[in-house]
C-alpha atoms as a PDB file:
ATOM      1  CA  MET A   1      -4.475  -2.021 -10.841  1.00  0.00           C
ATOM      2  CA  ASP A   2      -2.897  -5.234 -10.212  1.00  0.00           C
ATOM      3  CA  PHE A   3       0.497  -5.891  -8.548  1.00  0.00           C
ATOM      4  CA  LEU A   4       3.286  -8.265  -9.759  1.00  0.00           C
ATOM      5  CA  PRO A   5       2.343 -11.950  -8.471  1.00  0.00           C
ATOM      6  CA  PHE A   6       5.199 -11.887  -6.029  1.00  0.00           C
ATOM      7  CA  TYR A   7       4.061  -8.624  -4.552  1.00  0.00           C
ATOM      8  CA  GLN A   8       0.731  -9.408  -4.523  1.00  0.00           C
ATOM      9  CA  ASP A   9       1.373 -12.718  -2.442  1.00  0.00           C
ATOM     10  CA  TYR A  10       3.605 -11.142  -0.312  1.00  0.00           C
ATOM     11  CA  LEU A  11       1.134  -8.175   0.512  1.00  0.00           C
ATOM     12  CA  GLU A  12      -1.956 -10.464   0.810  1.00  0.00           C
ATOM     13  CA  ASN A  13      -0.003 -12.780   3.320  1.00  0.00           C
ATOM     14  CA  THR A  14       1.363  -9.961   5.362  1.00  0.00           C
ATOM     15  CA  LEU A  15      -1.787  -7.423   5.678  1.00  0.00           C
ATOM     16  CA  SER A  16      -5.321  -7.967   6.424  1.00  0.00           C
ATOM     17  CA  LYS A  17      -7.757  -7.799   3.814  1.00  0.00           C
ATOM     18  CA  SER A  18      -9.071  -4.584   4.631  1.00  0.00           C
ATOM     19  CA  LYS A  19      -5.382  -2.995   4.660  1.00  0.00           C
ATOM     20  CA  PHE A  20      -4.300  -4.861   1.448  1.00  0.00           C
ATOM     21  CA  LEU A  21      -7.983  -3.277  -0.024  1.00  0.00           C
ATOM     22  CA  LEU A  22      -6.750   0.227   1.315  1.00  0.00           C
ATOM     23  CA  LEU A  23      -3.435  -0.255  -0.059  1.00  0.00           C
ATOM     24  CA  ARG A  24      -4.640  -1.143  -3.632  1.00  0.00           C
ATOM     25  CA  ILE A  25      -6.864   1.990  -3.662  1.00  0.00           C
ATOM     26  CA  LEU A  26      -4.161   4.238  -2.183  1.00  0.00           C
ATOM     27  CA  VAL A  27      -1.697   3.044  -4.937  1.00  0.00           C
ATOM     28  CA  TRP A  28      -4.174   3.502  -7.310  1.00  0.00           C
ATOM     29  CA  LEU A  29      -4.994   6.902  -6.495  1.00  0.00           C
ATOM     30  CA  LEU A  30      -1.636   8.015  -6.570  1.00  0.00           C
ATOM     31  CA  GLN A  31      -0.870   6.431  -9.973  1.00  0.00           C
ATOM     32  CA  VAL A  32      -4.177   8.405 -11.212  1.00  0.00           C
ATOM     33  CA  HIS A  33      -4.356  11.508  -9.465  1.00  0.00           C
ATOM     34  CA  LYS A  34      -0.456  12.067  -8.717  1.00  0.00           C
ATOM     35  CA  GLN A  35      -1.142  13.852  -5.790  1.00  0.00           C
ATOM     36  CA  VAL A  36       0.827  12.849  -2.272  1.00  0.00           C
ATOM     37  CA  ARG A  37      -0.920  15.368  -0.140  1.00  0.00           C
ATOM     38  CA  ILE A  38      -3.222  13.149   2.395  1.00  0.00           C
ATOM     39  CA  GLU A  39      -5.852  15.967   2.000  1.00  0.00           C
ATOM     40  CA  ARG A  40      -5.948  15.399  -1.775  1.00  0.00           C
ATOM     41  CA  LEU A  41      -5.828  11.518  -1.458  1.00  0.00           C
ATOM     42  CA  ALA A  42      -8.647  11.534   1.118  1.00  0.00           C
ATOM     43  CA  ALA A  43     -10.730  14.073  -1.395  1.00  0.00           C
ATOM     44  CA  TYR A  44     -10.543  11.002  -3.997  1.00  0.00           C
ATOM     45  CA  LEU A  45     -10.880   7.920  -1.615  1.00  0.00           C
ATOM     46  CA  PRO A  46     -13.752   6.400  -2.747  1.00  0.00           C
ATOM     47  CA  ILE A  47     -15.246   5.447   0.869  1.00  0.00           C
ATOM     48  CA  PRO A  48     -18.684   6.553   1.616  1.00  0.00           C
ATOM     49  CA  ILE A  49     -17.670   8.409   4.970  1.00  0.00           C
ATOM     50  CA  LEU A  50     -16.997  12.203   6.062  1.00  0.00           C
ATOM     51  CA  TYR A  51     -13.817  13.989   4.416  1.00  0.00           C
ATOM     52  CA  GLN A  52     -12.195  14.178   7.602  1.00  0.00           C
ATOM     53  CA  SER A  53     -12.930  10.534   8.415  1.00  0.00           C
ATOM     54  CA  ARG A  54     -11.087   9.556   5.546  1.00  0.00           C
ATOM     55  CA  ARG A  55      -7.942  11.951   5.879  1.00  0.00           C
ATOM     56  CA  LYS A  56      -7.599  10.325   9.251  1.00  0.00           C
ATOM     57  CA  LYS A  57      -7.859   6.965   8.249  1.00  0.00           C
ATOM     58  CA  ILE A  58      -5.505   7.460   5.486  1.00  0.00           C
ATOM     59  CA  GLN A  59      -2.769   9.143   8.558  1.00  0.00           C
ATOM     60  CA  ARG A  60      -3.820   6.014  11.031  1.00  0.00           C
ATOM     61  CA  PHE A  61      -3.016   3.382   7.910  1.00  0.00           C
ATOM     62  CA  LEU A  62       0.237   5.085   7.142  1.00  0.00           C
ATOM     63  CA  VAL A  63       1.679   5.060  10.703  1.00  0.00           C
ATOM     64  CA  LYS A  64       0.831   1.566  11.425  1.00  0.00           C
ATOM     65  CA  PRO A  65       3.571  -0.548  12.356  1.00  0.00           C
ATOM     66  CA  CYS A  66       2.907  -3.278   9.890  1.00  0.00           C
ATOM     67  CA  LEU A  67       4.023  -0.832   7.442  1.00  0.00           C
ATOM     68  CA  SER A  68       7.702   0.044   9.192  1.00  0.00           C
ATOM     69  CA  LEU A  69      10.489  -0.134   7.334  1.00  0.00           C
ATOM     70  CA  VAL A  70      11.924  -3.256   9.092  1.00  0.00           C
ATOM     71  CA  LEU A  71       8.658  -5.467   9.434  1.00  0.00           C
ATOM     72  CA  PHE A  72       7.286  -4.708   6.007  1.00  0.00           C
ATOM     73  CA  TRP A  73       9.547  -3.177   3.410  1.00  0.00           C
ATOM     74  CA  PHE A  74      12.867  -5.124   4.503  1.00  0.00           C
ATOM     75  CA  PRO A  75      11.491  -8.806   3.835  1.00  0.00           C
ATOM     76  CA  LEU A  76      10.150  -7.147   0.508  1.00  0.00           C
ATOM     77  CA  ILE A  77      13.361  -6.093  -0.838  1.00  0.00           C
ATOM     78  CA  LYS A  78      14.592  -9.339   0.225  1.00  0.00           C
ATOM     79  CA  LEU A  79      12.097 -11.274  -1.880  1.00  0.00           C
ATOM     80  CA  ILE A  80      12.690  -8.984  -4.740  1.00  0.00           C
ATOM     81  CA  THR A  81      16.426  -9.299  -4.583  1.00  0.00           C
ATOM     82  CA  ALA A  82      16.020 -13.404  -4.187  1.00  0.00           C
ATOM     83  CA  ASN A  83      13.622 -13.024  -7.492  1.00  0.00           C
ATOM     84  CA  CYS A  84      16.073 -11.208  -9.197  1.00  0.00           C
ATOM     85  CA  LYS A  85      18.701 -13.732  -8.418  1.00  0.00           C
ATOM     86  CA  LEU A  86      16.670 -16.574  -9.697  1.00  0.00           C
ATOM     87  CA  ALA A  87      16.087 -14.620 -13.223  1.00  0.00           C
ATOM     88  CA  GLY A  88      19.628 -14.046 -13.463  1.00  0.00           C
ATOM     89  CA  TYR A  89      19.993 -10.329 -13.012  1.00  0.00           C
END
C-alpha cells in the first residue's frame, strides 16, 4: 500500500522511520480488515510480539503527541489545500 506522493513525503519527514512504518501497517490493516477496534487490529498486526504488547503498542502510538491535531494534521491539511490550489481545484 502506497500513500500519494505528497502524503508520503510529508509523513516520512514528520514521523520517524518506525512510526511511519507502523502507520502504513495500521492503514493497510484498516483497509483490508475494515475493523477499527484496537483489539482486532492488534490480532492482525504482523509483529512477532505478544498480543497484549501489540495492543499496547497501538494504543501508545495513537496517543503520541506527534499525531496530535495541531502538530500533525493541520499542516497536512494545509499541504493538501495548497496542492489543490496549484492544481486548479
